[in-house]
Amino acid sequence: MRDAYQIRSLIEPFAVRVATPMVHAIISNG
């Protein structure tokens, strides 16, 4: 379980960096 938490903490910032522009694009496209 501890390893899964470490992996998530590594992946989450990358996922946020990828998802944020996509969310902005969806919002701006209306």
Protein backbone atom coordinates (compact mmCIF):
# COMPACT_ATOMS: atom_id res chain seq x y z
CA MET A 1 0.00 0.00 0.00
CA ARG A 2 2.86 2.32 0.80
CA ASP A 3 4.36 1.80 -2.66
CA ALA A 4 1.06 2.66 -4.33
CA TYR A 5 0.98 5.94 -2.41
CA GLN A 6 4.54 6.77 -3.50
CA ILE A 7 3.73 5.96 -7.12
CA ARG A 8 0.62 8.13 -6.97
CA SER A 9 2.61 11.03 -5.51
CA LEU A 10 5.01 10.73 -8.46
CA ILE A 11 2.33 10.42 -11.14
CA GLU A 12 -0.14 12.98 -9.81
CA PRO A 13 1.88 16.16 -10.63
CA PHE A 14 2.43 14.83 -14.17
CA ALA A 15 -1.26 14.00 -14.56
CA VAL A 16 -2.19 17.49 -13.36
CA ARG A 17 0.22 19.05 -15.88
CA VAL A 18 -1.36 17.02 -18.68
CA ALA A 19 -4.98 17.41 -17.60
CA THR A 20 -4.96 21.14 -16.82
CA PRO A 21 -4.45 22.32 -20.45
CA MET A 22 -7.11 19.84 -21.58
CA VAL A 23 -9.59 21.20 -19.04
CA HIS A 24 -8.82 24.79 -20.10
CA ALA A 25 -9.31 23.82 -23.75
CA ILE A 26 -12.68 22.23 -22.99
CA ILE A 27 -13.79 25.29 -20.98
CA SER A 28 -12.63 27.78 -23.62
CA ASN A 29 -14.33 25.76 -26.37
CA GLY A 30 -17.56 25.94 -24.42
